[in-house]
Structures are given as structure tokens and as C-alpha cells.
Amino acid sequence: MLLGVNIDHVATLRNARGGIAPDVIEAAVVCEKAGADAITVHLREDRRHIKDADVEELKKILYVRLNLEMAATEEMQKIALRLLPENCCIVPEKRQELTTEGGLDVAGQLDKLTAFVKPLVDAGIVVSLFIDPSREQVAAAEKTGAQYIELHTGRYSEAFGTPTEEAEFQKLKDAADYASILGLGVNAGHGLTYENVHRMKEIQCLNELNIGHNIIAKALFDGLDIAVKEMKELIK
């Protein structure tokens, strides 16, 4: 299983003082050298952490894939088509949220997302849609022309170690299996930790996990290199 490391919260710490430290680009290079298969950044409308210049520089210097998370807006589509990251993950976005709260309602905006995805795919970008683990959303995602889905693992992560863990995990497994039958690639992420990530290996068709906050949190105490290497070991 592949590991995409989300470095948004390196930028959060940098922006807290308005300077240049810690350096987002240096963090990406450390993750890359430690074995990350992709670097994930979310360019939000309000630019609360990652900035446009970060994405532009990462695209220039990375040897691994750049995975650009973004909302389905005209502004973000133009940026993606100009920079041509290897991957784009389309996510819902609310200004007031601390972090992404749930998956896209693909079924409820199928025409809009189909029109949004097509130019990206035509430009050679591999597109994923960030969705909740539901067959309805998986089926709708397949109709958009996106090549991948990314399953929202937040509810599983919150339920881990509680009586509802198994039910939430089975939703992920069922959605992943169904997506695989439809010919979609399957990624997953959100809220995964060093304690709960091991169960993702039970989902045979999972291609890549995108993990950020927990890796950056561990890095504060153990170093970024060690934090990435330990997560890579856990998902082997």
C-alpha cells in the first residue's frame, strides 16, 4: 500500500508567525527521502495553510507525485490545469470548518462534477473524488469519469476502539470492494493514526492512504523522517 503524506500542517505552523519557518518545501523533501510515495497538499479557498507559491515550487522539485486537494471551483480548476499535478483529489470545502468534515455529495451534483472532472482528466491528471463510504456515492463517482475515489475514513477513526468500530470499518470495506468491481481505483484517508491504520490492510483493493495530521504531530517529538518511516512500516 502506498503512502501520501499531507504536509498542510507544516504550513499551518509556518503561517502562525507569518514567516518562512518551518519550510514546507524542506518538509516535503524529508518526507520524500523517508519513503513517501506522494506529497499531498490542500490549496484552500482561504489559503489558511498551503499557499499558491508552495504548490508551484513543489511541482518543480518533487520526484514523487504531487497530489493537489481542492474544491470544485473554477479558480482551482484553472490552477490545476496550469500546474498539472500528477493527481487531484476533489474535496468539499466550507470556510468555517477546521478540517474537511465529510465526503462530496457526488450523487447530488453529478452533472457539475462530471463537467469539472473532464478537463482535468483530458489534461492527463489522475482525478479522485473524496467521498463517504456509500455505494450510492461510489456509483455516482464512477459516472463522472474520475479514475479514483478516496474514501473518507473519519467515522471509522472516531469509532476505533468503540462498539461501532466494526460497523464503520465494514462500510469502508464494502464501498472499496464495490468501487473495485466498477473499475475505480481506491484510496483512503482522514483521521488515520498509528494506532488505527493497521485495519486498512484488511481492505485488499486499497491503493494509497493519505495521512497528514498524525504524522506531523508525531514528528514534533520524533522527527519527520522517523514519523514517515514508521507509518510506512505500519501499512506494508
Protein backbone atom coordinates (compact mmCIF):
# COMPACT_ATOMS: atom_id res chain seq x y z
CA MET A 1 0.00 0.00 0.00
CA LEU A 2 1.28 3.46 -0.90
CA LEU A 3 1.56 6.43 1.45
CA GLY A 4 0.76 10.01 0.55
CA VAL A 5 1.95 12.41 3.25
CA ASN A 6 -0.14 15.54 3.72
CA ILE A 7 2.06 18.47 4.78
CA ASP A 8 -0.69 21.08 5.25
CA HIS A 9 0.03 21.45 8.95
CA VAL A 10 3.67 22.26 8.40
CA ALA A 11 2.25 25.29 6.58
CA THR A 12 -0.19 25.90 9.45
CA LEU A 13 2.74 26.22 11.86
CA ARG A 14 4.66 28.43 9.43
CA ASN A 15 1.70 30.75 8.94
CA ALA A 16 1.17 31.15 12.69
CA ARG A 17 4.09 33.59 12.71
CA GLY A 18 3.86 34.77 9.11
CA GLY A 19 7.45 33.87 8.31
CA ILE A 20 9.09 31.09 6.33
CA ALA A 21 9.82 28.54 9.08
CA PRO A 22 9.18 25.66 9.14
CA ASP A 23 9.89 25.37 5.42
CA VAL A 24 7.11 23.47 3.62
CA ILE A 25 9.36 22.56 0.71
CA GLU A 26 12.06 21.18 3.03
CA ALA A 27 9.40 19.13 4.82
CA ALA A 28 8.26 17.66 1.51
CA VAL A 29 11.83 16.67 0.63
CA VAL A 30 12.29 14.98 4.02
CA CYS A 31 9.05 13.03 3.51
CA GLU A 32 10.12 12.06 0.01
CA LYS A 33 13.52 10.79 1.21
CA ALA A 34 11.84 8.89 4.06
CA GLY A 35 9.77 6.89 1.57
CA ALA A 36 6.58 8.86 0.93
CA ASP A 37 5.04 7.85 -2.38
CA ALA A 38 3.27 11.18 -2.84
CA ILE A 39 3.07 14.59 -1.22
CA THR A 40 -0.47 15.83 -0.61
CA VAL A 41 -1.42 19.48 -0.13
CA HIS A 42 -4.84 21.11 0.11
CA LEU A 43 -4.97 24.52 -1.53
CA ARG A 44 -7.99 26.02 0.21
CA GLU A 45 -10.02 28.97 -0.99
CA ASP A 46 -8.95 30.98 2.07
CA ARG A 47 -5.28 29.84 1.79
CA ARG A 48 -5.23 29.15 5.52
CA HIS A 49 -2.18 26.89 5.26
CA ILE A 50 -0.82 25.94 1.82
CA LYS A 51 -0.18 28.91 -0.49
CA ASP A 52 -0.10 29.06 -4.29
CA ALA A 53 3.67 29.51 -4.25
CA ASP A 54 4.03 26.29 -2.22
CA VAL A 55 2.19 24.28 -4.84
CA GLU A 56 4.18 25.83 -7.68
CA GLU A 57 7.51 25.08 -6.01
CA LEU A 58 6.51 21.53 -5.05
CA LYS A 59 5.55 20.80 -8.63
CA LYS A 60 9.04 21.89 -9.73
CA ILE A 61 11.14 19.97 -7.20
CA LEU A 62 9.33 16.75 -6.28
CA TYR A 63 10.42 13.40 -7.64
CA VAL A 64 7.32 11.70 -6.23
CA ARG A 65 3.76 12.54 -7.24
CA LEU A 66 2.11 15.80 -6.18
CA ASN A 67 -1.46 15.24 -5.06
CA LEU A 68 -3.42 18.50 -5.04
CA GLU A 69 -6.55 18.51 -2.91
CA MET A 70 -9.00 21.20 -3.97
CA ALA A 71 -12.63 22.23 -4.11
CA ALA A 72 -14.61 22.02 -7.35
CA THR A 73 -14.32 25.71 -8.21
CA GLU A 74 -13.36 27.48 -11.42
CA GLU A 75 -10.34 29.06 -9.71
CA MET A 76 -8.96 25.70 -8.58
CA GLN A 77 -9.58 24.07 -11.93
CA LYS A 78 -7.55 26.80 -13.65
CA ILE A 79 -4.69 26.35 -11.18
CA ALA A 80 -4.65 22.58 -11.70
CA LEU A 81 -4.71 22.89 -15.47
CA ARG A 82 -1.82 25.36 -15.34
CA LEU A 83 0.40 23.42 -12.93
CA LEU A 84 -0.62 19.88 -13.96
CA PRO A 85 -0.07 17.98 -10.70
CA GLU A 86 0.03 14.23 -11.18
CA ASN A 87 -3.06 13.81 -9.02
CA CYS A 88 -6.02 15.95 -8.00
CA CYS A 89 -8.41 14.99 -5.22
CA ILE A 90 -11.69 16.91 -5.29
CA VAL A 91 -12.96 17.60 -1.79
CA PRO A 92 -15.88 19.52 -0.23
CA GLU A 93 -14.89 22.74 1.45
CA LYS A 94 -16.53 25.06 3.99
CA ARG A 95 -14.87 28.25 5.17
CA GLN A 96 -15.77 27.71 8.82
CA GLU A 97 -14.62 24.10 9.16
CA LEU A 98 -11.39 23.22 10.97
CA THR A 99 -10.79 20.31 8.61
CA THR A 100 -12.76 18.51 5.91
CA GLU A 101 -15.88 17.25 7.66
CA GLY A 102 -17.25 14.69 5.20
CA GLY A 103 -17.27 13.43 1.66
CA LEU A 104 -18.54 15.05 -1.51
CA ASP A 105 -22.18 14.55 -2.40
CA VAL A 106 -21.34 13.32 -5.88
CA ALA A 107 -24.80 11.85 -6.46
CA GLY A 108 -26.39 15.22 -5.68
CA GLN A 109 -24.19 17.22 -8.08
CA LEU A 110 -23.35 14.66 -10.73
CA ASP A 111 -23.60 16.98 -13.75
CA LYS A 112 -21.45 19.68 -12.14
CA LEU A 113 -18.71 17.27 -11.08
CA THR A 114 -18.71 15.42 -14.41
CA ALA A 115 -18.12 18.72 -16.21
CA PHE A 116 -15.46 19.69 -13.68
CA VAL A 117 -13.54 16.41 -13.88
CA LYS A 118 -13.38 16.07 -17.68
CA PRO A 119 -10.85 18.85 -18.46
CA LEU A 120 -8.57 17.57 -15.70
CA VAL A 121 -8.64 14.00 -16.99
CA ASP A 122 -8.20 15.23 -20.57
CA ALA A 123 -5.06 17.08 -19.41
CA GLY A 124 -3.57 13.84 -18.10
CA ILE A 125 -4.28 14.39 -14.40
CA VAL A 126 -5.40 11.38 -12.36
CA VAL A 127 -8.53 12.55 -10.51
CA SER A 128 -10.04 11.17 -7.32
CA LEU A 129 -13.25 12.16 -5.57
CA PHE A 130 -13.28 12.28 -1.76
CA ILE A 131 -16.48 10.51 -0.71
CA ASP A 132 -18.16 8.88 2.25
CA PRO A 133 -18.21 5.07 2.09
CA SER A 134 -21.59 4.57 0.43
CA ARG A 135 -22.47 2.55 -2.67
CA GLU A 136 -24.61 5.42 -3.95
CA GLN A 137 -21.64 7.79 -3.90
CA VAL A 138 -19.29 5.19 -5.38
CA ALA A 139 -21.68 4.57 -8.29
CA ALA A 140 -22.03 8.31 -8.90
CA ALA A 141 -18.24 8.79 -8.78
CA GLU A 142 -17.78 6.19 -11.50
CA LYS A 143 -20.16 8.13 -13.77
CA THR A 144 -18.10 11.34 -13.51
CA GLY A 145 -15.11 9.91 -15.35
CA ALA A 146 -12.80 10.20 -12.33
CA GLN A 147 -10.33 7.32 -12.17
CA TYR A 148 -10.21 7.02 -8.37
CA ILE A 149 -12.21 7.55 -5.23
CA GLU A 150 -10.74 8.45 -1.86
CA LEU A 151 -12.80 7.03 0.97
CA HIS A 152 -13.37 9.29 3.97
CA THR A 153 -12.09 7.30 6.96
CA GLY A 154 -13.06 9.88 9.59
CA ARG A 155 -16.01 7.99 11.04
CA TYR A 156 -14.01 4.78 11.29
CA SER A 157 -11.20 6.69 13.02
CA GLU A 158 -13.60 8.24 15.51
CA ALA A 159 -15.22 4.86 16.17
CA PHE A 160 -11.96 2.97 16.59
CA GLY A 161 -11.91 1.08 19.89
CA THR A 162 -15.67 1.54 20.43
CA PRO A 163 -18.62 -0.80 19.82
CA THR A 164 -19.31 0.88 16.45
CA GLU A 165 -15.80 0.33 15.04
CA GLU A 166 -16.68 -2.83 13.13
CA ALA A 167 -19.78 -1.33 11.50
CA GLU A 168 -17.81 1.71 10.31
CA PHE A 169 -14.97 -0.46 9.06
CA GLN A 170 -17.35 -2.70 7.10
CA LYS A 171 -18.79 0.37 5.36
CA LEU A 172 -15.30 1.20 4.12
CA LYS A 173 -14.63 -2.36 3.00
CA ASP A 174 -17.96 -2.66 1.18
CA ALA A 175 -17.52 0.66 -0.61
CA ALA A 176 -13.96 -0.21 -1.62
CA ASP A 177 -14.97 -3.63 -2.93
CA TYR A 178 -17.83 -2.11 -4.92
CA ALA A 179 -15.56 0.57 -6.38
CA SER A 180 -13.10 -2.10 -7.45
CA ILE A 181 -15.88 -4.00 -9.23
CA LEU A 182 -16.77 -0.80 -11.11
CA GLY A 183 -13.16 -0.38 -12.19
CA LEU A 184 -12.29 2.53 -9.90
CA GLY A 185 -9.00 2.79 -8.05
CA VAL A 186 -9.42 3.19 -4.30
CA ASN A 187 -7.52 5.47 -1.92
CA ALA A 188 -8.47 6.42 1.63
CA GLY A 189 -7.71 8.93 4.33
CA HIS A 190 -8.77 11.29 7.09
CA GLY A 191 -8.15 10.88 10.80
CA LEU A 192 -5.98 7.78 10.42
CA THR A 193 -3.41 7.28 13.18
CA TYR A 194 -0.53 5.00 14.11
CA GLU A 195 -3.00 3.13 16.34
CA ASN A 196 -5.87 2.55 13.90
CA VAL A 197 -4.22 2.40 10.46
CA HIS A 198 -3.41 -1.33 10.62
CA ARG A 199 -7.00 -2.29 9.74
CA MET A 200 -6.69 -0.66 6.34
CA LYS A 201 -4.57 -3.65 5.29
CA GLU A 202 -7.73 -5.77 5.57
CA ILE A 203 -9.14 -3.90 2.54
CA GLN A 204 -7.33 -5.70 -0.25
CA CYS A 205 -8.04 -3.25 -3.07
CA LEU A 206 -6.78 -0.13 -1.27
CA ASN A 207 -4.05 1.54 -3.31
CA GLU A 208 -2.94 4.52 -1.20
CA LEU A 209 -3.54 6.16 2.16
CA ASN A 210 -3.26 9.92 2.56
CA ILE A 211 -2.26 10.82 6.11
CA GLY A 212 -1.17 14.17 7.46
CA HIS A 213 -2.06 15.45 10.91
CA ASN A 214 -1.00 12.38 12.90
CA ILE A 215 2.34 12.14 11.09
CA ILE A 216 3.10 15.82 11.64
CA ALA A 217 2.05 15.52 15.31
CA LYS A 218 4.43 12.59 15.85
CA ALA A 219 7.16 14.46 14.01
CA LEU A 220 7.15 17.16 16.71
CA PHE A 221 8.57 14.61 19.15
CA ASP A 222 10.34 12.03 16.99
CA GLY A 223 11.31 13.91 13.83
CA LEU A 224 9.62 13.92 10.43
CA ASP A 225 11.92 11.30 8.91
CA ILE A 226 11.15 8.78 11.65
CA ALA A 227 7.42 9.59 11.64
CA VAL A 228 7.09 8.87 7.91
CA LYS A 229 9.21 5.71 8.08
CA GLU A 230 7.14 4.31 10.97
CA MET A 231 3.88 4.91 9.12
CA LYS A 232 5.31 3.24 6.01
CA GLU A 233 6.20 0.20 8.10
CA LEU A 234 2.69 0.01 9.56
CA ILE A 235 0.97 -0.06 6.18
CA LYS A 236 3.28 -2.56 4.45
